[in-house]
Amino acid sequence: MCRNIRTLHNFEPHATSDEVHAAAVQYVAKIAGTTKPSHANAEAFEAAVEEVAHTTQHLLNALVTTAPAKNREVEAEKRRARYAARV
């Protein structure tokens, strides 16, 4: 669905509230079909972002894994390599 939304679970350190909020903005923008809602829709857009971010944080707090935590830099390098292979 949204290729720009990054996995937030199982990283050390844990996902920040800014990362959760950014993912929520991307998700709501994709669903709404716009990254900049009209003035008439701005309140509904922001309310949806806050609800999605809140629910996402609850989900991240509830998830359990036995896998070792991932490293953000290593994962970023993997993304860059995949991108380079596509180009």
C-alpha atoms as a PDB file:
ATOM      1  CA  MET A   1       0.000   0.000   0.000  1.00  0.00           C
ATOM      2  CA  CYS A   2       2.280   2.836   1.215  1.00  0.00           C
ATOM      3  CA  ARG A   3       5.841   1.999   0.335  1.00  0.00           C
ATOM      4  CA  ASN A   4       7.102   5.041   2.238  1.00  0.00           C
ATOM      5  CA  ILE A   5       5.785   3.875   5.588  1.00  0.00           C
ATOM      6  CA  ARG A   6       8.673   2.174   7.368  1.00  0.00           C
ATOM      7  CA  THR A   7       8.461  -0.741   9.756  1.00  0.00           C
ATOM      8  CA  LEU A   8       8.504   0.629  13.300  1.00  0.00           C
ATOM      9  CA  HIS A   9       8.476  -2.583  15.332  1.00  0.00           C
ATOM     10  CA  ASN A  10      11.529  -4.298  16.798  1.00  0.00           C
ATOM     11  CA  PHE A  11      14.112  -1.535  16.550  1.00  0.00           C
ATOM     12  CA  GLU A  12      16.554  -0.454  19.203  1.00  0.00           C
ATOM     13  CA  PRO A  13      15.970   2.228  20.308  1.00  0.00           C
ATOM     14  CA  HIS A  14      12.203   1.967  19.983  1.00  0.00           C
ATOM     15  CA  ALA A  15      10.286   4.082  17.496  1.00  0.00           C
ATOM     16  CA  THR A  16       9.908   7.687  18.593  1.00  0.00           C
ATOM     17  CA  SER A  17       6.591   9.513  18.737  1.00  0.00           C
ATOM     18  CA  ASP A  18       7.795  11.567  15.742  1.00  0.00           C
ATOM     19  CA  GLU A  19       8.306   8.388  13.702  1.00  0.00           C
ATOM     20  CA  VAL A  20       4.860   7.109  14.692  1.00  0.00           C
ATOM     21  CA  HIS A  21       3.295  10.467  13.807  1.00  0.00           C
ATOM     22  CA  ALA A  22       5.072  10.578  10.425  1.00  0.00           C
ATOM     23  CA  ALA A  23       3.785   7.096   9.572  1.00  0.00           C
ATOM     24  CA  ALA A  24       0.267   8.156  10.589  1.00  0.00           C
ATOM     25  CA  VAL A  25       0.461  11.236   8.352  1.00  0.00           C
ATOM     26  CA  GLN A  26       1.582   9.097   5.411  1.00  0.00           C
ATOM     27  CA  TYR A  27      -1.198   6.589   6.001  1.00  0.00           C
ATOM     28  CA  VAL A  28      -3.952   9.204   6.340  1.00  0.00           C
ATOM     29  CA  ALA A  29      -2.643  11.118   3.317  1.00  0.00           C
ATOM     30  CA  LYS A  30      -2.747   7.938   1.237  1.00  0.00           C
ATOM     31  CA  ILE A  31      -6.312   7.176   2.316  1.00  0.00           C
ATOM     32  CA  ALA A  32      -7.449  10.791   1.828  1.00  0.00           C
ATOM     33  CA  GLY A  33      -5.670  11.104  -1.502  1.00  0.00           C
ATOM     34  CA  THR A  34      -3.931  14.320  -0.510  1.00  0.00           C
ATOM     35  CA  THR A  35      -0.938  15.406   1.509  1.00  0.00           C
ATOM     36  CA  LYS A  36      -2.342  18.912   2.031  1.00  0.00           C
ATOM     37  CA  PRO A  37      -6.054  18.806   2.859  1.00  0.00           C
ATOM     38  CA  SER A  38      -8.279  21.763   2.101  1.00  0.00           C
ATOM     39  CA  HIS A  39      -9.088  24.152   4.924  1.00  0.00           C
ATOM     40  CA  ALA A  40     -12.526  22.530   5.209  1.00  0.00           C
ATOM     41  CA  ASN A  41     -10.957  19.083   5.688  1.00  0.00           C
ATOM     42  CA  ALA A  42      -7.896  20.020   7.753  1.00  0.00           C
ATOM     43  CA  GLU A  43      -9.558  19.336  11.116  1.00  0.00           C
ATOM     44  CA  ALA A  44     -10.787  15.895  10.053  1.00  0.00           C
ATOM     45  CA  PHE A  45      -7.369  15.093   8.551  1.00  0.00           C
ATOM     46  CA  GLU A  46      -5.501  16.053  11.737  1.00  0.00           C
ATOM     47  CA  ALA A  47      -7.995  14.195  13.937  1.00  0.00           C
ATOM     48  CA  ALA A  48      -7.475  11.061  11.830  1.00  0.00           C
ATOM     49  CA  VAL A  49      -3.687  11.435  12.058  1.00  0.00           C
ATOM     50  CA  GLU A  50      -3.861  11.682  15.858  1.00  0.00           C
ATOM     51  CA  GLU A  51      -6.147   8.649  16.130  1.00  0.00           C
ATOM     52  CA  VAL A  52      -3.973   6.541  13.833  1.00  0.00           C
ATOM     53  CA  ALA A  53      -0.806   7.591  15.686  1.00  0.00           C
ATOM     54  CA  HIS A  54      -2.421   6.766  19.040  1.00  0.00           C
ATOM     55  CA  THR A  55      -3.573   3.340  17.839  1.00  0.00           C
ATOM     56  CA  THR A  56      -0.194   2.664  16.224  1.00  0.00           C
ATOM     57  CA  GLN A  57       1.606   3.412  19.483  1.00  0.00           C
ATOM     58  CA  HIS A  58      -0.723   1.016  21.334  1.00  0.00           C
ATOM     59  CA  LEU A  59      -0.008  -1.657  18.742  1.00  0.00           C
ATOM     60  CA  LEU A  60       3.763  -1.181  18.999  1.00  0.00           C
ATOM     61  CA  ASN A  61       3.563  -1.367  22.801  1.00  0.00           C
ATOM     62  CA  ALA A  62       1.566  -4.619  22.634  1.00  0.00           C
ATOM     63  CA  LEU A  63       3.661  -6.483  20.071  1.00  0.00           C
ATOM     64  CA  VAL A  64       6.014  -9.154  21.395  1.00  0.00           C
ATOM     65  CA  THR A  65       8.959 -10.759  19.629  1.00  0.00           C
ATOM     66  CA  THR A  66      11.856 -13.020  20.421  1.00  0.00           C
ATOM     67  CA  ALA A  67      13.831 -11.833  17.390  1.00  0.00           C
ATOM     68  CA  PRO A  68      16.842  -9.632  18.022  1.00  0.00           C
ATOM     69  CA  ALA A  69      16.217  -5.923  17.588  1.00  0.00           C
ATOM     70  CA  LYS A  70      17.045  -4.460  14.180  1.00  0.00           C
ATOM     71  CA  ASN A  71      19.548  -1.695  13.589  1.00  0.00           C
ATOM     72  CA  ARG A  72      18.164   1.389  11.812  1.00  0.00           C
ATOM     73  CA  GLU A  73      21.387   2.063   9.909  1.00  0.00           C
ATOM     74  CA  VAL A  74      21.641  -1.506   8.622  1.00  0.00           C
ATOM     75  CA  GLU A  75      18.003  -1.457   7.514  1.00  0.00           C
ATOM     76  CA  ALA A  76      18.489   1.935   5.806  1.00  0.00           C
ATOM     77  CA  GLU A  77      21.478   0.543   3.926  1.00  0.00           C
ATOM     78  CA  LYS A  78      19.376  -2.416   2.769  1.00  0.00           C
ATOM     79  CA  ARG A  79      16.705   0.015   1.483  1.00  0.00           C
ATOM     80  CA  ARG A  80      19.344   2.035  -0.377  1.00  0.00           C
ATOM     81  CA  ALA A  81      20.733  -1.148  -1.952  1.00  0.00           C
ATOM     82  CA  ARG A  82      17.262  -2.249  -3.086  1.00  0.00           C
ATOM     83  CA  TYR A  83      16.655   1.209  -4.557  1.00  0.00           C
ATOM     84  CA  ALA A  84      20.007   1.174  -6.367  1.00  0.00           C
ATOM     85  CA  ALA A  85      19.200  -2.231  -7.846  1.00  0.00           C
ATOM     86  CA  ARG A  86      15.886  -0.882  -9.225  1.00  0.00           C
ATOM     87  CA  VAL A  87      17.451   2.197 -10.815  1.00  0.00           C
END
